[in-house]
Amino acid sequence: MKQVITAILLFLSFNIFAQKTCEYSVNVTDSLGTYKSTKEYMISEKNFAGNSSYIFYSLALTDGLPTLNVQLIQKSKDFMKANCFDKNSKLFLQLNNGKIITLLHIDQENCGTMIRDDKGYDNRVISGQFMFMKDSFEELKNSPVSMMRIKYLTDTEDYIIRKEFKSELNNEVYQPETYFINNIHCIE
């Protein structure tokens, strides 16, 4: 009887501590190399007075180089200032353990694309790729993220990373605080 109980407890502990399976939106190997990218995951959502903004993350591995892809989407009928990524842009992640992880933007300037929809809203989409610094993976695997700071070409913005929220956009529940804990193994 003891062996049955031990086996059940062992099986349950494996399920509890097992890593999430990786869901890739792209996983390609060809003559040019390999590229895989996780599905986009909403990290932040703000809706106020007819203005909306969303931030999505995805992790990518390009020929062994891990990067964080960040996509910002703004929607408004009012004027929206353009934030640009350049070679000096950085993304800072403050962890719950007090440490700060710095990610560097690749050397590519990007001010996004403006698209007007059929309802009269202006939509700005800006994407950036950020490289991880050496030895930052261990910290990201072990501590939740509490805050994110993005240094643009001419501005800096801070974002509080929530433990959990239900998106007004798609009614899905997101847990951005533990995004790296749950997904960083997908690009190691």
N, C-alpha and C. Protein backbone atom coordinates (compact mmCIF):
# COMPACT_ATOMS: atom_id res chain seq x y z
N MET A 1 0.82 -1.19 0.00
CA MET A 1 0.00 0.00 0.00
C MET A 1 0.87 1.27 0.00
N LYS A 2 1.97 1.21 0.76
CA LYS A 2 2.88 2.35 0.81
C LYS A 2 3.43 2.68 -0.57
N GLN A 3 3.72 1.63 -1.34
CA GLN A 3 4.28 1.84 -2.68
C GLN A 3 3.28 2.52 -3.60
N VAL A 4 2.01 2.19 -3.47
CA VAL A 4 0.97 2.80 -4.30
C VAL A 4 0.84 4.29 -3.95
N ILE A 5 0.80 4.58 -2.67
CA ILE A 5 0.70 5.99 -2.24
C ILE A 5 1.93 6.77 -2.67
N THR A 6 3.11 6.17 -2.52
CA THR A 6 4.35 6.84 -2.94
C THR A 6 4.33 7.09 -4.44
N ALA A 7 3.88 6.12 -5.21
CA ALA A 7 3.82 6.29 -6.67
C ALA A 7 2.84 7.40 -7.06
N ILE A 8 1.70 7.46 -6.38
CA ILE A 8 0.72 8.51 -6.67
C ILE A 8 1.29 9.88 -6.33
N LEU A 9 1.91 10.01 -5.17
CA LEU A 9 2.51 11.29 -4.77
C LEU A 9 3.62 11.70 -5.73
N LEU A 10 4.44 10.75 -6.15
CA LEU A 10 5.51 11.04 -7.09
C LEU A 10 4.94 11.52 -8.43
N PHE A 11 3.90 10.84 -8.92
CA PHE A 11 3.25 11.23 -10.17
C PHE A 11 2.65 12.63 -10.07
N LEU A 12 1.98 12.93 -8.95
CA LEU A 12 1.39 14.25 -8.77
C LEU A 12 2.45 15.34 -8.68
N SER A 13 3.57 15.06 -8.02
CA SER A 13 4.62 16.07 -7.91
C SER A 13 5.25 16.35 -9.27
N PHE A 14 5.38 15.35 -10.14
CA PHE A 14 5.89 15.59 -11.49
C PHE A 14 4.95 16.50 -12.27
N ASN A 15 3.66 16.28 -12.13
CA ASN A 15 2.69 17.12 -12.83
C ASN A 15 2.68 18.55 -12.31
N ILE A 16 2.86 18.72 -11.02
CA ILE A 16 2.85 20.06 -10.43
C ILE A 16 4.06 20.86 -10.87
N PHE A 17 5.23 20.22 -10.88
CA PHE A 17 6.47 20.93 -11.17
C PHE A 17 6.91 20.84 -12.63
N ALA A 18 6.13 20.22 -13.45
CA ALA A 18 6.48 20.10 -14.87
C ALA A 18 6.39 21.46 -15.56
N GLN A 19 7.30 21.70 -16.49
CA GLN A 19 7.26 22.94 -17.24
C GLN A 19 6.14 22.89 -18.25
N LYS A 20 5.62 24.08 -18.55
CA LYS A 20 4.58 24.16 -19.57
C LYS A 20 5.17 23.77 -20.92
N THR A 21 4.33 23.17 -21.76
CA THR A 21 4.80 22.86 -23.10
C THR A 21 4.88 24.15 -23.90
N CYS A 22 5.81 24.18 -24.80
CA CYS A 22 6.04 25.38 -25.61
C CYS A 22 5.12 25.38 -26.82
N GLU A 23 4.47 26.51 -27.04
CA GLU A 23 3.64 26.68 -28.23
C GLU A 23 4.35 27.69 -29.13
N TYR A 24 4.73 27.23 -30.32
CA TYR A 24 5.45 28.09 -31.25
C TYR A 24 4.53 28.57 -32.36
N SER A 25 4.68 29.83 -32.72
CA SER A 25 3.96 30.34 -33.89
C SER A 25 4.79 30.11 -35.14
N VAL A 26 6.12 30.03 -34.98
CA VAL A 26 7.04 29.74 -36.08
C VAL A 26 8.11 28.79 -35.55
N ASN A 27 8.42 27.75 -36.34
CA ASN A 27 9.49 26.82 -36.00
C ASN A 27 10.05 26.29 -37.32
N VAL A 28 11.09 26.96 -37.83
CA VAL A 28 11.60 26.68 -39.17
C VAL A 28 13.10 26.37 -39.12
N THR A 29 13.49 25.35 -39.85
CA THR A 29 14.90 25.06 -40.09
C THR A 29 15.06 24.88 -41.59
N ASP A 30 15.95 25.69 -42.18
CA ASP A 30 16.20 25.58 -43.62
C ASP A 30 17.67 25.83 -43.89
N SER A 31 18.02 26.07 -45.14
CA SER A 31 19.42 26.26 -45.52
C SER A 31 20.01 27.54 -44.92
N LEU A 32 19.17 28.49 -44.54
CA LEU A 32 19.66 29.74 -43.95
C LEU A 32 19.90 29.63 -42.45
N GLY A 33 19.29 28.66 -41.80
CA GLY A 33 19.46 28.48 -40.37
C GLY A 33 18.16 28.05 -39.71
N THR A 34 18.09 28.31 -38.40
CA THR A 34 16.90 27.93 -37.65
C THR A 34 16.28 29.17 -37.01
N TYR A 35 14.96 29.15 -36.92
CA TYR A 35 14.23 30.24 -36.27
C TYR A 35 12.98 29.65 -35.64
N LYS A 36 12.80 29.94 -34.37
CA LYS A 36 11.55 29.58 -33.73
C LYS A 36 11.12 30.71 -32.81
N SER A 37 9.81 30.90 -32.75
CA SER A 37 9.24 31.98 -31.97
C SER A 37 7.98 31.49 -31.28
N THR A 38 7.86 31.82 -29.99
CA THR A 38 6.66 31.43 -29.25
C THR A 38 5.48 32.29 -29.68
N LYS A 39 4.29 31.85 -29.36
CA LYS A 39 3.10 32.62 -29.66
C LYS A 39 3.14 33.93 -28.86
N GLU A 40 2.50 34.97 -29.41
CA GLU A 40 2.45 36.25 -28.72
C GLU A 40 1.59 36.13 -27.47
N TYR A 41 2.01 36.85 -26.42
CA TYR A 41 1.35 36.79 -25.13
C TYR A 41 1.16 38.21 -24.62
N MET A 42 -0.06 38.56 -24.24
CA MET A 42 -0.34 39.92 -23.78
C MET A 42 0.25 40.15 -22.39
N ILE A 43 1.03 41.23 -22.29
CA ILE A 43 1.69 41.58 -21.04
C ILE A 43 1.00 42.76 -20.37
N SER A 44 0.46 43.66 -21.18
CA SER A 44 -0.16 44.86 -20.63
C SER A 44 -1.34 45.27 -21.51
N GLU A 45 -2.37 45.79 -20.86
CA GLU A 45 -3.54 46.31 -21.56
C GLU A 45 -4.05 47.52 -20.81
N LYS A 46 -4.22 48.63 -21.54
CA LYS A 46 -4.78 49.85 -20.95
C LYS A 46 -5.92 50.33 -21.85
N ASN A 47 -7.06 50.59 -21.26
CA ASN A 47 -8.21 51.15 -21.96
C ASN A 47 -8.75 52.30 -21.12
N PHE A 48 -8.68 53.52 -21.67
CA PHE A 48 -9.15 54.67 -20.92
C PHE A 48 -9.55 55.78 -21.89
N ALA A 49 -10.75 56.28 -21.73
CA ALA A 49 -11.26 57.43 -22.48
C ALA A 49 -11.10 57.28 -23.99
N GLY A 50 -11.43 56.11 -24.49
CA GLY A 50 -11.37 55.89 -25.94
C GLY A 50 -9.99 55.59 -26.48
N ASN A 51 -9.00 55.54 -25.62
CA ASN A 51 -7.63 55.20 -26.03
C ASN A 51 -7.30 53.80 -25.49
N SER A 52 -6.66 53.01 -26.32
CA SER A 52 -6.27 51.67 -25.92
C SER A 52 -4.81 51.44 -26.26
N SER A 53 -4.14 50.66 -25.43
CA SER A 53 -2.78 50.24 -25.75
C SER A 53 -2.57 48.84 -25.24
N TYR A 54 -1.82 48.07 -26.01
CA TYR A 54 -1.55 46.67 -25.71
C TYR A 54 -0.07 46.40 -25.93
N ILE A 55 0.50 45.56 -25.07
CA ILE A 55 1.88 45.13 -25.25
C ILE A 55 1.89 43.60 -25.27
N PHE A 56 2.55 43.06 -26.29
CA PHE A 56 2.67 41.62 -26.45
C PHE A 56 4.14 41.23 -26.45
N TYR A 57 4.44 40.08 -25.85
CA TYR A 57 5.77 39.49 -25.87
C TYR A 57 5.72 38.20 -26.69
N SER A 58 6.84 37.88 -27.29
CA SER A 58 7.11 36.53 -27.78
C SER A 58 8.61 36.32 -27.67
N LEU A 59 9.00 35.10 -27.38
CA LEU A 59 10.42 34.75 -27.29
C LEU A 59 10.84 34.09 -28.59
N ALA A 60 12.03 34.45 -29.06
CA ALA A 60 12.51 33.89 -30.33
C ALA A 60 13.94 33.38 -30.16
N LEU A 61 14.26 32.39 -30.97
CA LEU A 61 15.61 31.83 -31.01
C LEU A 61 16.03 31.79 -32.47
N THR A 62 17.02 32.61 -32.83
CA THR A 62 17.49 32.70 -34.21
C THR A 62 18.92 32.20 -34.26
N ASP A 63 19.11 31.03 -34.82
CA ASP A 63 20.45 30.42 -34.91
C ASP A 63 21.18 30.46 -33.58
N GLY A 64 20.47 30.14 -32.50
CA GLY A 64 21.07 30.08 -31.17
C GLY A 64 21.05 31.38 -30.40
N LEU A 65 20.62 32.50 -31.01
CA LEU A 65 20.57 33.79 -30.32
C LEU A 65 19.16 34.03 -29.78
N PRO A 66 18.99 34.03 -28.44
CA PRO A 66 17.66 34.26 -27.88
C PRO A 66 17.33 35.75 -27.85
N THR A 67 16.10 36.09 -28.22
CA THR A 67 15.64 37.48 -28.19
C THR A 67 14.21 37.54 -27.65
N LEU A 68 13.85 38.72 -27.19
CA LEU A 68 12.49 39.01 -26.77
C LEU A 68 11.89 39.95 -27.80
N ASN A 69 10.82 39.52 -28.45
CA ASN A 69 10.12 40.37 -29.41
C ASN A 69 9.00 41.09 -28.65
N VAL A 70 8.97 42.40 -28.79
CA VAL A 70 7.97 43.22 -28.11
C VAL A 70 7.16 43.94 -29.18
N GLN A 71 5.84 43.84 -29.06
CA GLN A 71 4.96 44.53 -30.00
C GLN A 71 4.02 45.42 -29.20
N LEU A 72 4.00 46.72 -29.54
CA LEU A 72 3.12 47.68 -28.89
C LEU A 72 2.07 48.11 -29.89
N ILE A 73 0.82 48.09 -29.48
CA ILE A 73 -0.28 48.52 -30.33
C ILE A 73 -1.05 49.60 -29.58
N GLN A 74 -1.21 50.76 -30.24
CA GLN A 74 -1.97 51.87 -29.68
C GLN A 74 -3.14 52.15 -30.59
N LYS A 75 -4.27 52.50 -29.98
CA LYS A 75 -5.48 52.78 -30.76
C LYS A 75 -6.14 54.01 -30.16
N SER A 76 -6.41 55.01 -31.03
CA SER A 76 -7.00 56.25 -30.53
C SER A 76 -7.58 57.06 -31.69
N LYS A 77 -8.55 57.92 -31.38
CA LYS A 77 -9.04 58.89 -32.35
C LYS A 77 -8.28 60.21 -32.20
N ASP A 78 -7.56 60.34 -31.08
CA ASP A 78 -6.77 61.54 -30.81
C ASP A 78 -5.35 61.38 -31.34
N PHE A 79 -4.58 62.44 -31.22
CA PHE A 79 -3.18 62.43 -31.63
C PHE A 79 -2.40 61.44 -30.76
N MET A 80 -1.55 60.65 -31.39
CA MET A 80 -0.66 59.73 -30.67
C MET A 80 0.78 60.09 -30.99
N LYS A 81 1.56 60.30 -29.95
CA LYS A 81 2.96 60.57 -30.22
C LYS A 81 3.67 59.29 -30.65
N ALA A 82 4.63 59.47 -31.49
CA ALA A 82 5.39 58.32 -32.00
C ALA A 82 6.56 58.03 -31.09
N ASN A 83 6.62 56.82 -30.59
CA ASN A 83 7.79 56.35 -29.85
C ASN A 83 8.57 55.46 -30.79
N CYS A 84 9.88 55.68 -30.84
CA CYS A 84 10.73 54.95 -31.77
C CYS A 84 11.76 54.12 -31.02
N PHE A 85 12.09 52.97 -31.57
CA PHE A 85 13.21 52.18 -31.09
C PHE A 85 14.42 52.51 -31.95
N ASP A 86 15.58 52.60 -31.30
CA ASP A 86 16.83 52.78 -32.04
C ASP A 86 17.91 51.96 -31.36
N LYS A 87 19.16 52.12 -31.79
CA LYS A 87 20.25 51.31 -31.26
C LYS A 87 20.49 51.53 -29.77
N ASN A 88 20.04 52.66 -29.22
CA ASN A 88 20.23 52.95 -27.80
C ASN A 88 19.02 52.57 -26.94
N SER A 89 17.97 52.04 -27.55
CA SER A 89 16.79 51.65 -26.79
C SER A 89 17.09 50.44 -25.91
N LYS A 90 16.43 50.42 -24.76
CA LYS A 90 16.63 49.32 -23.81
C LYS A 90 15.29 48.97 -23.18
N LEU A 91 15.22 47.76 -22.70
CA LEU A 91 14.07 47.30 -21.95
C LEU A 91 14.59 46.81 -20.61
N PHE A 92 14.06 47.37 -19.53
CA PHE A 92 14.47 47.00 -18.18
C PHE A 92 13.34 46.23 -17.51
N LEU A 93 13.66 45.12 -16.88
CA LEU A 93 12.69 44.33 -16.14
C LEU A 93 13.09 44.31 -14.68
N GLN A 94 12.22 44.84 -13.82
CA GLN A 94 12.49 44.78 -12.39
C GLN A 94 11.81 43.54 -11.85
N LEU A 95 12.58 42.69 -11.18
CA LEU A 95 12.07 41.44 -10.64
C LEU A 95 11.61 41.62 -9.20
N ASN A 96 10.76 40.71 -8.74
CA ASN A 96 10.26 40.78 -7.36
C ASN A 96 11.38 40.63 -6.34
N ASN A 97 12.50 40.01 -6.73
CA ASN A 97 13.61 39.85 -5.81
C ASN A 97 14.50 41.10 -5.75
N GLY A 98 14.09 42.18 -6.47
CA GLY A 98 14.82 43.45 -6.43
C GLY A 98 15.84 43.63 -7.54
N LYS A 99 16.18 42.59 -8.25
CA LYS A 99 17.18 42.70 -9.32
C LYS A 99 16.55 43.30 -10.57
N ILE A 100 17.40 43.93 -11.38
CA ILE A 100 16.96 44.55 -12.63
C ILE A 100 17.71 43.88 -13.78
N ILE A 101 16.94 43.40 -14.76
CA ILE A 101 17.49 42.76 -15.94
C ILE A 101 17.39 43.75 -17.09
N THR A 102 18.49 43.93 -17.84
CA THR A 102 18.52 44.85 -18.96
C THR A 102 18.60 44.07 -20.26
N LEU A 103 17.75 44.44 -21.21
CA LEU A 103 17.76 43.86 -22.55
C LEU A 103 18.08 44.99 -23.53
N LEU A 104 18.94 44.72 -24.49
CA LEU A 104 19.38 45.72 -25.45
C LEU A 104 18.66 45.54 -26.78
N HIS A 105 18.24 46.66 -27.36
CA HIS A 105 17.57 46.62 -28.65
C HIS A 105 18.58 46.35 -29.75
N ILE A 106 18.17 45.60 -30.77
CA ILE A 106 19.06 45.36 -31.91
C ILE A 106 19.24 46.69 -32.65
N ASP A 107 20.27 46.79 -33.40
CA ASP A 107 20.61 48.05 -34.08
C ASP A 107 19.73 48.26 -35.31
N GLN A 108 18.46 48.58 -35.06
CA GLN A 108 17.53 48.79 -36.16
C GLN A 108 16.49 49.82 -35.70
N GLU A 109 16.43 50.97 -36.36
CA GLU A 109 15.47 52.01 -35.98
C GLU A 109 14.08 51.65 -36.48
N ASN A 110 13.10 51.84 -35.62
CA ASN A 110 11.72 51.51 -35.97
C ASN A 110 10.78 52.45 -35.22
N CYS A 111 9.99 53.20 -35.97
CA CYS A 111 9.00 54.10 -35.37
C CYS A 111 7.58 53.60 -35.56
N GLY A 112 7.43 52.41 -36.06
CA GLY A 112 6.12 51.81 -36.18
C GLY A 112 5.39 52.19 -37.44
N THR A 113 4.18 51.68 -37.55
CA THR A 113 3.33 51.89 -38.71
C THR A 113 1.99 52.41 -38.23
N MET A 114 1.47 53.43 -38.91
CA MET A 114 0.16 53.98 -38.58
C MET A 114 -0.87 53.43 -39.56
N ILE A 115 -1.95 52.90 -39.02
CA ILE A 115 -3.03 52.34 -39.84
C ILE A 115 -4.34 52.93 -39.36
N ARG A 116 -5.15 53.46 -40.27
CA ARG A 116 -6.47 53.98 -39.91
C ARG A 116 -7.50 52.90 -40.24
N ASP A 117 -8.36 52.60 -39.24
CA ASP A 117 -9.38 51.57 -39.49
C ASP A 117 -10.68 52.20 -39.98
N ASP A 118 -11.65 51.37 -40.28
CA ASP A 118 -12.92 51.85 -40.86
C ASP A 118 -13.80 52.58 -39.86
N LYS A 119 -13.43 52.56 -38.56
CA LYS A 119 -14.21 53.28 -37.54
C LYS A 119 -13.59 54.63 -37.20
N GLY A 120 -12.56 55.04 -37.93
CA GLY A 120 -11.93 56.33 -37.71
C GLY A 120 -10.84 56.34 -36.66
N TYR A 121 -10.43 55.18 -36.17
CA TYR A 121 -9.35 55.10 -35.19
C TYR A 121 -8.00 55.01 -35.89
N ASP A 122 -7.03 55.68 -35.31
CA ASP A 122 -5.65 55.51 -35.74
C ASP A 122 -5.04 54.40 -34.90
N ASN A 123 -4.37 53.50 -35.55
CA ASN A 123 -3.71 52.38 -34.89
C ASN A 123 -2.23 52.44 -35.19
N ARG A 124 -1.41 52.51 -34.16
CA ARG A 124 0.04 52.51 -34.36
C ARG A 124 0.58 51.17 -33.84
N VAL A 125 1.37 50.52 -34.68
CA VAL A 125 1.98 49.25 -34.33
C VAL A 125 3.49 49.43 -34.41
N ILE A 126 4.17 49.16 -33.30
CA ILE A 126 5.64 49.24 -33.27
C ILE A 126 6.18 47.95 -32.68
N SER A 127 7.19 47.41 -33.34
CA SER A 127 7.79 46.15 -32.91
C SER A 127 9.28 46.36 -32.66
N GLY A 128 9.79 45.64 -31.69
CA GLY A 128 11.21 45.71 -31.39
C GLY A 128 11.74 44.37 -30.94
N GLN A 129 13.00 44.11 -31.23
CA GLN A 129 13.66 42.90 -30.79
C GLN A 129 14.74 43.28 -29.79
N PHE A 130 14.73 42.62 -28.65
CA PHE A 130 15.67 42.91 -27.58
C PHE A 130 16.48 41.67 -27.26
N MET A 131 17.79 41.87 -27.12
CA MET A 131 18.70 40.77 -26.82
C MET A 131 18.92 40.66 -25.32
N PHE A 132 18.97 39.43 -24.83
CA PHE A 132 19.22 39.17 -23.42
C PHE A 132 20.71 39.35 -23.13
N MET A 133 21.00 39.88 -21.96
CA MET A 133 22.39 39.97 -21.51
C MET A 133 22.80 38.61 -20.97
N LYS A 134 24.09 38.38 -20.95
CA LYS A 134 24.62 37.12 -20.47
C LYS A 134 24.17 36.87 -19.02
N ASP A 135 23.81 35.66 -18.73
CA ASP A 135 23.45 35.21 -17.38
C ASP A 135 22.14 35.80 -16.84
N SER A 136 21.28 36.36 -17.68
CA SER A 136 20.01 36.89 -17.18
C SER A 136 18.92 35.83 -17.11
N PHE A 137 19.12 34.70 -17.79
CA PHE A 137 18.09 33.66 -17.83
C PHE A 137 17.78 33.09 -16.46
N GLU A 138 18.81 32.83 -15.67
CA GLU A 138 18.58 32.22 -14.35
C GLU A 138 17.71 33.10 -13.48
N GLU A 139 17.97 34.39 -13.49
CA GLU A 139 17.16 35.32 -12.69
C GLU A 139 15.72 35.34 -13.19
N LEU A 140 15.52 35.35 -14.52
CA LEU A 140 14.17 35.41 -15.08
C LEU A 140 13.40 34.10 -14.83
N LYS A 141 14.11 32.99 -14.73
CA LYS A 141 13.45 31.71 -14.47
C LYS A 141 12.98 31.58 -13.03
N ASN A 142 13.59 32.36 -12.13
CA ASN A 142 13.35 32.16 -10.71
C ASN A 142 12.56 33.25 -10.01
N SER A 143 12.35 34.39 -10.65
CA SER A 143 11.65 35.47 -9.97
C SER A 143 10.64 36.13 -10.91
N PRO A 144 9.42 36.39 -10.42
CA PRO A 144 8.42 37.10 -11.24
C PRO A 144 8.85 38.53 -11.54
N VAL A 145 8.30 39.10 -12.59
CA VAL A 145 8.58 40.48 -13.00
C VAL A 145 7.53 41.40 -12.40
N SER A 146 7.95 42.51 -11.82
CA SER A 146 7.00 43.44 -11.21
C SER A 146 6.83 44.73 -12.01
N MET A 147 7.85 45.10 -12.78
CA MET A 147 7.79 46.35 -13.53
C MET A 147 8.64 46.25 -14.79
N MET A 148 8.21 46.99 -15.81
CA MET A 148 8.96 47.05 -17.06
C MET A 148 9.15 48.52 -17.42
N ARG A 149 10.35 48.86 -17.84
CA ARG A 149 10.65 50.21 -18.32
C ARG A 149 11.20 50.08 -19.74
N ILE A 150 10.63 50.86 -20.65
CA ILE A 150 11.12 50.88 -22.03
C ILE A 150 11.71 52.24 -22.31
N LYS A 151 12.98 52.25 -22.71
CA LYS A 151 13.66 53.48 -23.10
C LYS A 151 13.59 53.57 -24.62
N TYR A 152 12.81 54.53 -25.09
CA TYR A 152 12.68 54.77 -26.52
C TYR A 152 13.75 55.77 -26.96
N LEU A 153 13.69 56.16 -28.21
CA LEU A 153 14.62 57.14 -28.76
C LEU A 153 14.56 58.46 -27.99
N THR A 154 13.35 58.94 -27.70
CA THR A 154 13.20 60.26 -27.07
C THR A 154 12.42 60.24 -25.76
N ASP A 155 12.00 59.09 -25.30
CA ASP A 155 11.14 59.03 -24.13
C ASP A 155 11.40 57.73 -23.37
N THR A 156 10.91 57.69 -22.13
CA THR A 156 10.97 56.48 -21.31
C THR A 156 9.60 56.27 -20.69
N GLU A 157 9.10 55.04 -20.74
CA GLU A 157 7.80 54.73 -20.15
C GLU A 157 7.92 53.54 -19.21
N ASP A 158 7.18 53.61 -18.10
CA ASP A 158 7.14 52.53 -17.12
C ASP A 158 5.79 51.83 -17.19
N TYR A 159 5.82 50.53 -16.98
CA TYR A 159 4.62 49.71 -16.98
C TYR A 159 4.64 48.80 -15.76
N ILE A 160 3.56 48.81 -15.00
CA ILE A 160 3.41 47.89 -13.89
C ILE A 160 2.97 46.54 -14.47
N ILE A 161 3.66 45.50 -14.10
CA ILE A 161 3.32 44.16 -14.58
C ILE A 161 2.43 43.50 -13.53
N ARG A 162 1.21 43.21 -13.92
CA ARG A 162 0.24 42.65 -12.98
C ARG A 162 0.42 41.14 -12.85
N LYS A 163 -0.03 40.64 -11.71
CA LYS A 163 0.02 39.20 -11.48
C LYS A 163 -0.93 38.48 -12.43
N GLU A 164 -2.12 39.03 -12.61
CA GLU A 164 -3.10 38.41 -13.49
C GLU A 164 -4.13 39.46 -13.90
N PHE A 165 -4.64 39.36 -15.13
CA PHE A 165 -5.74 40.21 -15.56
C PHE A 165 -6.53 39.51 -16.65
N LYS A 166 -7.79 39.92 -16.75
CA LYS A 166 -8.66 39.42 -17.81
C LYS A 166 -8.74 40.49 -18.88
N SER A 167 -8.35 40.14 -20.08
CA SER A 167 -8.29 41.10 -21.17
C SER A 167 -9.68 41.52 -21.62
N GLU A 168 -9.85 42.82 -21.83
CA GLU A 168 -11.10 43.33 -22.40
C GLU A 168 -11.13 43.08 -23.90
N LEU A 169 -9.98 42.89 -24.52
CA LEU A 169 -9.89 42.66 -25.95
C LEU A 169 -10.42 41.28 -26.36
N ASN A 170 -10.00 40.23 -25.63
CA ASN A 170 -10.39 38.87 -26.02
C ASN A 170 -10.93 38.01 -24.88
N ASN A 171 -11.14 38.60 -23.71
CA ASN A 171 -11.68 37.91 -22.53
C ASN A 171 -10.83 36.74 -22.04
N GLU A 172 -9.57 36.70 -22.41
CA GLU A 172 -8.66 35.67 -21.91
C GLU A 172 -7.97 36.17 -20.65
N VAL A 173 -7.59 35.24 -19.79
CA VAL A 173 -6.87 35.57 -18.57
C VAL A 173 -5.37 35.42 -18.83
N TYR A 174 -4.62 36.47 -18.48
CA TYR A 174 -3.17 36.47 -18.67
C TYR A 174 -2.47 36.60 -17.32
N GLN A 175 -1.30 36.01 -17.21
CA GLN A 175 -0.48 36.09 -16.01
C GLN A 175 0.91 36.60 -16.40
N PRO A 176 1.03 37.90 -16.67
CA PRO A 176 2.29 38.43 -17.19
C PRO A 176 3.45 38.40 -16.20
N GLU A 177 3.16 38.44 -14.92
CA GLU A 177 4.21 38.45 -13.90
C GLU A 177 5.12 37.22 -14.02
N THR A 178 4.55 36.09 -14.40
CA THR A 178 5.32 34.84 -14.47
C THR A 178 5.59 34.40 -15.92
N TYR A 179 5.50 35.32 -16.86
CA TYR A 179 5.71 34.98 -18.27
C TYR A 179 7.06 34.30 -18.50
N PHE A 180 8.12 34.88 -17.98
CA PHE A 180 9.45 34.32 -18.21
C PHE A 180 9.65 33.00 -17.46
N ILE A 181 9.12 32.91 -16.25
CA ILE A 181 9.23 31.66 -15.49
C ILE A 181 8.60 30.52 -16.28
N ASN A 182 7.48 30.79 -16.93
CA ASN A 182 6.74 29.75 -17.66
C ASN A 182 7.26 29.50 -19.07
N ASN A 183 7.98 30.46 -19.66
CA ASN A 183 8.30 30.33 -21.09
C ASN A 183 9.76 30.41 -21.47
N ILE A 184 10.64 30.84 -20.61
CA ILE A 184 12.05 31.04 -21.01
C ILE A 184 12.70 29.72 -21.44
N HIS A 185 12.23 28.61 -20.91
CA HIS A 185 12.81 27.31 -21.28
C HIS A 185 12.57 26.99 -22.77
N CYS A 186 11.63 27.68 -23.39
CA CYS A 186 11.32 27.42 -24.81
C CYS A 186 12.42 27.88 -25.76
N ILE A 187 13.32 28.74 -25.29
CA ILE A 187 14.39 29.23 -26.17
C ILE A 187 15.78 28.92 -25.64
N GLU A 188 15.87 28.07 -24.64
CA GLU A 188 17.18 27.69 -24.10
C GLU A 188 17.82 26.61 -24.94
